[in-house]
Amino acid sequence: MAPESNPGPNYGILAQRFMGAGQWDRALATALEWLSKDPENLRAHRIAAQSLINLGRHKEAGQYVEKVLAGNPHDGFAHRLMAMIHFEAGQTRLAEESILKAISINPGDAFHWHQFAFLRYRQGDLASARSHIARARELNPRDADILNMAILCDPGGPENAKKKIQQYQDALAIDPENANLYNNIGVQYLDHLKDYGQAEDCFRRALFFYPASKTFRKNLFITVKKRDLIYRILCAPKDAIVQVINFFARVRRYNLFLYLLIIPLWLFAIRFVAVGLALWFALVWPLTKVYEYLTIGDLRARAGELGAQRGGFLGYRKWPVKVRLSIFACLLVSFWGAVALLLMSNRNTPLPREFLGGVIFFGLLLFLYFFAAIKVRAGIKAWAARKRAREMERIVSPKRHG
């Protein structure tokens, strides 16, 4: 009897397992391998698109969704994926058309309404978002993601933080492994209650259930920085000024009449706010960036990044923390000592405007330099990721690139 031939892997089952575990990179690789064997398989195209969207690569997902819709124009899920792609590209009108098409195909799908609510929420139209998410809750009242969206659409602010945390915890009782819920609880602790310990714990739990999320990692890093005493002291003046700005914004949102009454106070205070921010950027922000640069490896390591304490100029990230803090202390004394000497050089004359303008200008230049550097690094990483994706696709799909 001849031996039975190996039927090969069941790509659909493999991809479904990877998606269920949140392993979107492996689901994508499986879908691409599936397409190399069966280039016209619509399910494989749909899995590839869904995986790319969850990996944050919306632009690349477009070609796969278009293939699905060309083969099946009545695929509501594919229209929903296309809505996500359009919205991420800034094409709001096309995104709305796509999600409305999905709803017209299957108005009983709660997640179509959930996505519609998300679009409205991101546009700042909370009234419409609440209406759409209410429809989603009618169709599926026990889904944690829908409950999460409904809580997000409720009014925010420090006065509602504890209430929102309780609502998120009630949703966690339905889905104890929902990473988004843990992240949003952490945001309430971080932004409104200033409880950085609880915030860090929530972000770590979110990353435990979804370790690939860049948003969760970024929130954890911000929290770790906030828990650092020196960093918190350096940022205190700016945070106080921002709180003043947020106070006026909340007053305008909740009581327009009161806001109109305090407009004269705001006009009087705005010059001090502007000068305060300018002085912080000129005199304190450079020191903040120096401190962050010297301790970035420790901060990222505490945020859970592997290899964060390697590299840097002359491998400085491996230097003892006392050495790096000593360097910062020397720079701090030198910087403020120079400012003090300039101020005391002639007590009988006020501080020259040229000097103050020069310091502010120098601070703004430093800000623009670091901002540009961040954008350039992000662009290089995105280009490298796209290049790796193209190379991987050529490997698993050589026929399409032959």
Protein backbone atom coordinates (compact mmCIF):
# COMPACT_ATOMS: atom_id res chain seq x y z
CA MET A 1 0.00 0.00 0.00
CA ALA A 2 1.35 3.40 -0.93
CA PRO A 3 1.97 5.79 1.97
CA GLU A 4 -0.65 8.54 2.43
CA SER A 5 0.53 11.97 1.24
CA ASN A 6 0.84 14.84 3.69
CA PRO A 7 -2.17 17.14 3.13
CA GLY A 8 -0.23 20.17 4.43
CA PRO A 9 -1.17 22.67 7.11
CA ASN A 10 -4.71 23.91 7.57
CA TYR A 11 -4.01 27.63 7.18
CA GLY A 12 -7.49 28.70 8.25
CA ILE A 13 -7.30 26.92 11.61
CA LEU A 14 -3.72 28.12 12.22
CA ALA A 15 -4.59 31.74 11.45
CA GLN A 16 -7.70 31.57 13.65
CA ARG A 17 -5.63 30.31 16.57
CA PHE A 18 -3.06 33.06 16.17
CA MET A 19 -5.75 35.75 15.93
CA GLY A 20 -7.51 34.39 19.01
CA ALA A 21 -4.23 34.66 20.92
CA GLY A 22 -3.55 38.17 19.65
CA GLN A 23 -0.46 37.00 17.72
CA TRP A 24 -1.18 39.16 14.69
CA ASP A 25 2.32 38.92 13.22
CA ARG A 26 2.07 35.14 13.07
CA ALA A 27 -1.48 35.33 11.72
CA LEU A 28 -0.21 37.62 8.96
CA ALA A 29 2.66 35.27 8.09
CA THR A 30 0.19 32.37 7.93
CA ALA A 31 -2.17 34.33 5.67
CA LEU A 32 0.65 35.32 3.33
CA GLU A 33 1.85 31.72 3.10
CA TRP A 34 -1.73 30.65 2.42
CA LEU A 35 -1.94 33.23 -0.39
CA SER A 36 1.30 31.93 -1.89
CA LYS A 37 -0.49 28.59 -2.34
CA ASP A 38 -3.93 30.02 -3.18
CA PRO A 39 -3.63 33.65 -4.38
CA GLU A 40 -7.39 34.07 -4.94
CA ASN A 41 -8.55 32.88 -1.52
CA LEU A 42 -10.75 35.67 -0.14
CA ARG A 43 -10.58 34.42 3.43
CA ALA A 44 -6.79 34.56 3.38
CA HIS A 45 -6.92 38.12 2.01
CA ARG A 46 -9.32 39.10 4.78
CA ILE A 47 -7.12 37.59 7.51
CA ALA A 48 -4.08 39.38 6.06
CA ALA A 49 -5.96 42.69 6.11
CA GLN A 50 -7.25 42.21 9.65
CA SER A 51 -3.78 41.27 10.88
CA LEU A 52 -2.15 44.29 9.24
CA ILE A 53 -4.72 46.64 10.77
CA ASN A 54 -4.11 45.21 14.23
CA LEU A 55 -0.37 45.67 13.64
CA GLY A 56 -0.97 49.35 12.82
CA ARG A 57 -0.12 48.93 9.13
CA HIS A 58 -3.41 50.21 7.72
CA LYS A 59 -2.05 51.40 4.39
CA GLU A 60 -0.70 47.96 3.50
CA ALA A 61 -4.02 46.36 4.43
CA GLY A 62 -5.90 48.28 1.73
CA GLN A 63 -4.89 46.04 -1.18
CA TYR A 64 -6.15 42.93 0.62
CA VAL A 65 -9.51 44.47 1.55
CA GLU A 66 -9.96 45.66 -2.04
CA LYS A 67 -9.38 42.10 -3.22
CA VAL A 68 -12.03 40.79 -0.81
CA LEU A 69 -14.59 43.40 -1.86
CA ALA A 70 -13.89 42.76 -5.54
CA GLY A 71 -14.77 39.10 -4.99
CA ASN A 72 -17.63 39.73 -2.56
CA PRO A 73 -19.08 43.28 -2.49
CA HIS A 74 -21.55 42.25 0.24
CA ASP A 75 -18.92 41.36 2.83
CA GLY A 76 -19.89 43.67 5.69
CA PHE A 77 -16.78 42.86 7.72
CA ALA A 78 -14.55 43.86 4.80
CA HIS A 79 -16.41 47.19 4.51
CA ARG A 80 -15.78 47.73 8.23
CA LEU A 81 -12.07 47.06 7.74
CA MET A 82 -12.06 49.52 4.85
CA ALA A 83 -13.66 52.14 7.13
CA MET A 84 -10.73 51.71 9.54
CA ILE A 85 -8.23 52.10 6.70
CA HIS A 86 -9.88 55.25 5.33
CA PHE A 87 -10.15 56.85 8.77
CA GLU A 88 -6.51 56.17 9.58
CA ALA A 89 -5.59 57.84 6.28
CA GLY A 90 -7.61 60.92 7.22
CA GLN A 91 -10.34 60.19 4.67
CA THR A 92 -13.28 60.73 7.00
CA ARG A 93 -16.00 60.89 4.36
CA LEU A 94 -14.90 57.61 2.76
CA ALA A 95 -14.65 55.99 6.20
CA GLU A 96 -18.26 56.96 6.96
CA GLU A 97 -19.44 55.65 3.58
CA SER A 98 -17.73 52.32 4.22
CA ILE A 99 -19.15 51.81 7.72
CA LEU A 100 -22.62 52.86 6.58
CA LYS A 101 -22.34 50.30 3.78
CA ALA A 102 -21.44 47.65 6.35
CA ILE A 103 -24.44 48.62 8.48
CA SER A 104 -26.77 48.54 5.46
CA ILE A 105 -25.60 44.99 4.69
CA ASN A 106 -26.04 43.77 8.27
CA PRO A 107 -27.74 46.29 10.59
CA GLY A 108 -27.86 43.67 13.34
CA ASP A 109 -24.07 43.47 13.71
CA ALA A 110 -23.24 45.25 16.96
CA PHE A 111 -19.62 45.78 15.97
CA HIS A 112 -20.55 47.79 12.90
CA TRP A 113 -22.29 50.24 15.25
CA HIS A 114 -19.32 50.05 17.60
CA GLN A 115 -16.99 51.09 14.79
CA PHE A 116 -19.37 53.89 13.76
CA ALA A 117 -19.34 55.15 17.36
CA PHE A 118 -15.55 55.01 17.39
CA LEU A 119 -15.36 57.16 14.25
CA ARG A 120 -17.66 59.75 15.79
CA TYR A 121 -15.75 59.64 19.07
CA ARG A 122 -12.45 60.31 17.30
CA GLN A 123 -14.11 63.23 15.49
CA GLY A 124 -15.20 64.72 18.82
CA ASP A 125 -18.91 64.20 18.13
CA LEU A 126 -19.73 62.58 21.48
CA ALA A 127 -23.51 62.94 21.10
CA SER A 128 -23.55 60.84 17.90
CA ALA A 129 -21.01 58.42 19.36
CA ARG A 130 -23.23 57.81 22.40
CA SER A 131 -26.22 57.23 20.12
CA HIS A 132 -24.39 54.67 17.98
CA ILE A 133 -22.82 52.82 20.92
CA ALA A 134 -26.23 52.67 22.60
CA ARG A 135 -27.49 50.81 19.52
CA ALA A 136 -24.50 48.44 19.77
CA ARG A 137 -25.32 47.77 23.44
CA GLU A 138 -28.91 46.94 22.53
CA LEU A 139 -27.63 44.30 20.11
CA ASN A 140 -24.86 42.95 22.38
CA PRO A 141 -25.16 44.18 25.99
CA ARG A 142 -22.53 41.81 27.40
CA ASP A 143 -19.53 42.64 25.20
CA ALA A 144 -16.64 44.26 27.09
CA ASP A 145 -15.32 46.21 24.08
CA ILE A 146 -18.74 47.78 23.49
CA LEU A 147 -19.00 48.67 27.19
CA ASN A 148 -15.51 50.16 27.00
CA MET A 149 -16.56 52.40 24.11
CA ALA A 150 -19.70 53.47 25.97
CA ILE A 151 -17.64 54.51 29.01
CA LEU A 152 -15.22 56.45 26.81
CA CYS A 153 -18.13 58.44 25.38
CA ASP A 154 -19.25 59.58 28.84
CA PRO A 155 -17.97 62.97 30.12
CA GLY A 156 -14.43 62.81 31.46
CA GLY A 157 -12.39 64.87 33.91
CA PRO A 158 -11.12 64.42 37.48
CA GLU A 159 -14.63 64.65 38.91
CA ASN A 160 -15.77 61.57 36.95
CA ALA A 161 -12.55 59.51 37.20
CA LYS A 162 -13.61 57.27 40.10
CA LYS A 163 -16.99 56.62 38.51
CA LYS A 164 -15.35 55.63 35.23
CA ILE A 165 -12.88 53.34 36.99
CA GLN A 166 -15.78 51.51 38.64
CA GLN A 167 -17.52 51.16 35.27
CA TYR A 168 -14.34 49.75 33.70
CA GLN A 169 -14.00 47.28 36.57
CA ASP A 170 -17.59 46.16 36.06
CA ALA A 171 -16.73 45.53 32.40
CA LEU A 172 -13.65 43.56 33.49
CA ALA A 173 -15.96 41.20 35.37
CA ILE A 174 -17.28 40.21 31.93
CA ASP A 175 -13.86 39.97 30.26
CA PRO A 176 -11.02 39.81 32.85
CA GLU A 177 -8.35 39.66 30.14
CA ASN A 178 -9.41 42.75 28.19
CA ALA A 179 -6.24 44.81 27.74
CA ASN A 180 -8.05 47.97 26.61
CA LEU A 181 -10.01 48.12 29.86
CA TYR A 182 -6.85 47.91 31.96
CA ASN A 183 -5.24 50.61 29.81
CA ASN A 184 -8.21 52.96 30.19
CA ILE A 185 -8.28 52.46 33.97
CA GLY A 186 -4.58 53.36 33.96
CA VAL A 187 -5.33 56.52 31.97
CA GLN A 188 -7.80 57.64 34.64
CA TYR A 189 -5.21 57.12 37.38
CA LEU A 190 -2.48 58.79 35.32
CA ASP A 191 -4.28 61.84 33.94
CA HIS A 192 -6.89 62.63 36.55
CA LEU A 193 -6.13 61.02 39.92
CA LYS A 194 -2.31 61.34 39.65
CA ASP A 195 -1.92 57.92 41.27
CA TYR A 196 1.11 56.80 39.29
CA GLY A 197 1.56 53.54 41.20
CA GLN A 198 -1.94 52.31 40.31
CA ALA A 199 -1.50 53.60 36.74
CA GLU A 200 1.74 51.65 36.30
CA ASP A 201 0.11 48.47 37.60
CA CYS A 202 -2.79 48.86 35.12
CA PHE A 203 -0.52 49.49 32.13
CA ARG A 204 1.61 46.47 33.03
CA ARG A 205 -1.51 44.32 33.19
CA ALA A 206 -2.61 45.67 29.79
CA LEU A 207 0.79 44.77 28.31
CA PHE A 208 0.64 41.31 29.90
CA PHE A 209 -2.51 40.56 27.88
CA TYR A 210 -1.43 42.49 24.75
CA PRO A 211 2.37 42.88 24.73
CA ALA A 212 2.50 44.16 21.12
CA SER A 213 0.60 47.40 21.83
CA LYS A 214 2.68 50.53 21.25
CA THR A 215 0.04 52.65 23.00
CA PHE A 216 0.20 50.61 26.21
CA ARG A 217 4.00 50.68 26.13
CA LYS A 218 4.00 54.46 25.64
CA ASN A 219 1.57 54.98 28.52
CA LEU A 220 3.70 52.82 30.80
CA PHE A 221 6.82 54.77 29.86
CA ILE A 222 5.08 58.09 30.62
CA THR A 223 3.99 56.71 34.00
CA VAL A 224 7.48 55.48 34.85
CA LYS A 225 8.83 58.96 34.08
CA LYS A 226 6.14 60.52 36.27
CA ARG A 227 7.16 58.25 39.17
CA ASP A 228 10.74 59.51 38.95
CA LEU A 229 11.08 62.28 41.57
CA ILE A 230 13.65 64.40 39.71
CA TYR A 231 11.75 64.23 36.44
CA ARG A 232 8.53 65.15 38.25
CA ILE A 233 10.19 68.20 39.85
CA LEU A 234 11.53 69.37 36.49
CA CYS A 235 8.08 69.06 34.91
CA ALA A 236 6.16 70.60 37.84
CA PRO A 237 6.09 74.23 36.51
CA LYS A 238 4.81 73.14 33.11
CA ASP A 239 2.24 70.78 34.66
CA ALA A 240 0.90 73.60 36.87
CA ILE A 241 0.47 75.88 33.85
CA VAL A 242 -1.25 73.10 31.89
CA GLN A 243 -3.64 72.54 34.78
CA VAL A 244 -4.62 76.21 34.64
CA ILE A 245 -5.33 75.89 30.91
CA ASN A 246 -7.35 72.70 31.47
CA PHE A 247 -9.36 74.43 34.21
CA PHE A 248 -10.53 77.12 31.81
CA ALA A 249 -11.28 74.49 29.17
CA ARG A 250 -13.46 72.51 31.61
CA VAL A 251 -15.31 75.64 32.67
CA ARG A 252 -16.09 76.41 29.02
CA ARG A 253 -17.30 72.86 28.43
CA TYR A 254 -19.62 72.61 31.43
CA ASN A 255 -20.75 76.20 32.10
CA LEU A 256 -20.60 78.64 29.22
CA PHE A 257 -22.10 81.51 31.26
CA LEU A 258 -19.43 81.18 33.97
CA TYR A 259 -16.78 80.99 31.27
CA LEU A 260 -17.99 84.26 29.77
CA LEU A 261 -17.84 85.86 33.21
CA ILE A 262 -14.20 84.87 33.74
CA ILE A 263 -12.99 85.87 30.27
CA PRO A 264 -11.44 89.10 31.68
CA LEU A 265 -9.53 86.99 34.23
CA TRP A 266 -8.38 84.68 31.43
CA LEU A 267 -7.22 87.61 29.30
CA PHE A 268 -5.27 88.91 32.29
CA ALA A 269 -3.74 85.53 33.07
CA ILE A 270 -2.93 84.40 29.54
CA ARG A 271 0.14 86.63 29.25
CA PHE A 272 1.58 85.09 32.41
CA VAL A 273 0.75 81.60 31.15
CA ALA A 274 2.50 82.30 27.84
CA VAL A 275 5.57 83.80 29.53
CA GLY A 276 5.66 80.93 32.03
CA LEU A 277 5.60 78.32 29.27
CA ALA A 278 8.26 80.22 27.31
CA LEU A 279 10.54 80.44 30.36
CA TRP A 280 10.00 76.75 31.13
CA PHE A 281 10.93 75.76 27.58
CA ALA A 282 13.95 78.08 27.66
CA LEU A 283 15.33 77.43 31.16
CA VAL A 284 13.97 74.09 32.39
CA TRP A 285 13.00 72.01 29.37
CA PRO A 286 16.64 71.62 28.14
CA LEU A 287 17.59 70.23 31.56
CA THR A 288 14.60 67.89 31.42
CA LYS A 289 15.79 66.49 28.09
CA VAL A 290 19.35 66.12 29.41
CA TYR A 291 18.07 64.18 32.44
CA GLU A 292 15.85 62.04 30.22
CA TYR A 293 18.77 61.37 27.87
CA LEU A 294 21.05 60.28 30.74
CA THR A 295 18.45 58.03 32.37
CA ILE A 296 16.48 56.87 29.31
CA GLY A 297 17.91 53.35 29.52
CA ASP A 298 16.81 52.92 33.15
CA LEU A 299 13.35 54.35 32.43
CA ARG A 300 12.77 52.11 29.41
CA ALA A 301 14.10 49.08 31.29
CA ARG A 302 11.62 49.76 34.09
CA ALA A 303 8.92 50.00 31.41
CA GLY A 304 9.79 46.46 30.34
CA GLU A 305 11.85 47.07 27.18
CA LEU A 306 14.56 44.50 26.51
CA GLY A 307 18.09 45.75 25.83
CA ALA A 308 17.19 49.29 26.87
CA GLN A 309 20.40 49.71 28.87
CA ARG A 310 22.70 48.95 25.96
CA GLY A 311 24.25 51.51 23.61
CA GLY A 312 24.36 55.28 23.77
CA PHE A 313 27.38 57.60 23.40
CA LEU A 314 30.44 55.61 24.59
CA GLY A 315 27.99 53.03 25.94
CA TYR A 316 26.91 55.47 28.66
CA ARG A 317 23.70 53.59 29.41
CA LYS A 318 25.74 50.90 31.15
CA TRP A 319 27.51 53.41 33.38
CA PRO A 320 26.52 53.34 37.08
CA VAL A 321 23.48 55.49 37.75
CA LYS A 322 25.45 57.56 40.30
CA VAL A 323 27.92 58.57 37.59
CA ARG A 324 25.15 59.67 35.25
CA LEU A 325 23.34 61.58 38.00
CA SER A 326 26.62 63.26 38.91
CA ILE A 327 26.99 64.43 35.29
CA PHE A 328 23.46 65.80 35.42
CA ALA A 329 24.17 67.58 38.72
CA CYS A 330 27.28 69.23 37.21
CA LEU A 331 25.30 70.38 34.17
CA LEU A 332 22.49 71.63 36.40
CA VAL A 333 24.88 73.68 38.58
CA SER A 334 26.76 75.01 35.55
CA PHE A 335 23.59 76.03 33.70
CA TRP A 336 21.88 77.78 36.60
CA GLY A 337 25.19 79.19 37.82
CA ALA A 338 25.70 80.88 34.46
CA VAL A 339 22.17 82.28 34.55
CA ALA A 340 22.70 83.57 38.12
CA LEU A 341 26.01 85.24 37.19
CA LEU A 342 24.38 87.02 34.29
CA LEU A 343 21.56 88.21 36.51
CA MET A 344 23.93 89.43 39.24
CA SER A 345 26.54 90.95 36.95
CA ASN A 346 24.84 94.32 37.27
CA ARG A 347 22.24 94.58 40.03
CA ASN A 348 21.38 98.15 39.14
CA THR A 349 20.14 97.32 35.68
CA PRO A 350 17.30 95.03 34.74
CA LEU A 351 17.88 91.83 32.84
CA PRO A 352 18.57 92.76 29.20
CA ARG A 353 15.74 91.89 26.85
CA GLU A 354 18.27 90.62 24.35
CA PHE A 355 19.49 88.02 26.84
CA LEU A 356 16.00 86.84 27.72
CA GLY A 357 15.07 86.70 24.04
CA GLY A 358 18.24 84.76 23.28
CA VAL A 359 17.54 82.22 26.02
CA ILE A 360 13.96 81.72 24.81
CA PHE A 361 15.14 81.45 21.21
CA PHE A 362 17.76 78.89 22.22
CA GLY A 363 15.15 76.88 24.10
CA LEU A 364 12.82 76.90 21.10
CA LEU A 365 15.65 75.75 18.85
CA LEU A 366 16.34 72.84 21.19
CA PHE A 367 12.64 71.98 21.21
CA LEU A 368 12.48 72.03 17.40
CA TYR A 369 15.65 69.94 17.19
CA PHE A 370 14.31 67.19 19.46
CA PHE A 371 10.88 67.31 17.79
CA ALA A 372 12.44 66.94 14.34
CA ALA A 373 14.72 64.15 15.57
CA ILE A 374 11.74 62.21 16.94
CA LYS A 375 9.84 62.58 13.66
CA VAL A 376 12.87 61.53 11.59
CA ARG A 377 13.47 58.44 13.74
CA ALA A 378 9.78 57.50 13.49
CA GLY A 379 9.92 57.89 9.71
CA ILE A 380 13.04 55.74 9.45
CA LYS A 381 11.44 53.00 11.60
CA ALA A 382 8.27 53.07 9.49
CA TRP A 383 10.28 52.87 6.26
CA ALA A 384 12.34 49.96 7.64
CA ALA A 385 9.16 48.14 8.71
CA ARG A 386 7.63 48.54 5.25
CA LYS A 387 10.86 47.33 3.65
CA ARG A 388 10.92 44.23 5.88
CA ALA A 389 7.26 43.57 5.04
CA ARG A 390 7.97 43.76 1.29
CA GLU A 391 10.95 41.41 1.66
CA MET A 392 8.87 38.94 3.70
CA GLU A 393 6.09 39.02 1.11
CA ARG A 394 8.59 38.30 -1.69
CA ILE A 395 9.83 35.29 0.28
CA VAL A 396 6.40 33.80 0.96
CA SER A 397 4.83 34.91 -2.35
CA PRO A 398 7.60 34.63 -4.98
CA LYS A 399 5.16 34.14 -7.86
CA ARG A 400 3.51 37.51 -7.44
CA HIS A 401 6.87 39.26 -7.58
CA GLY A 402 8.41 37.15 -10.32
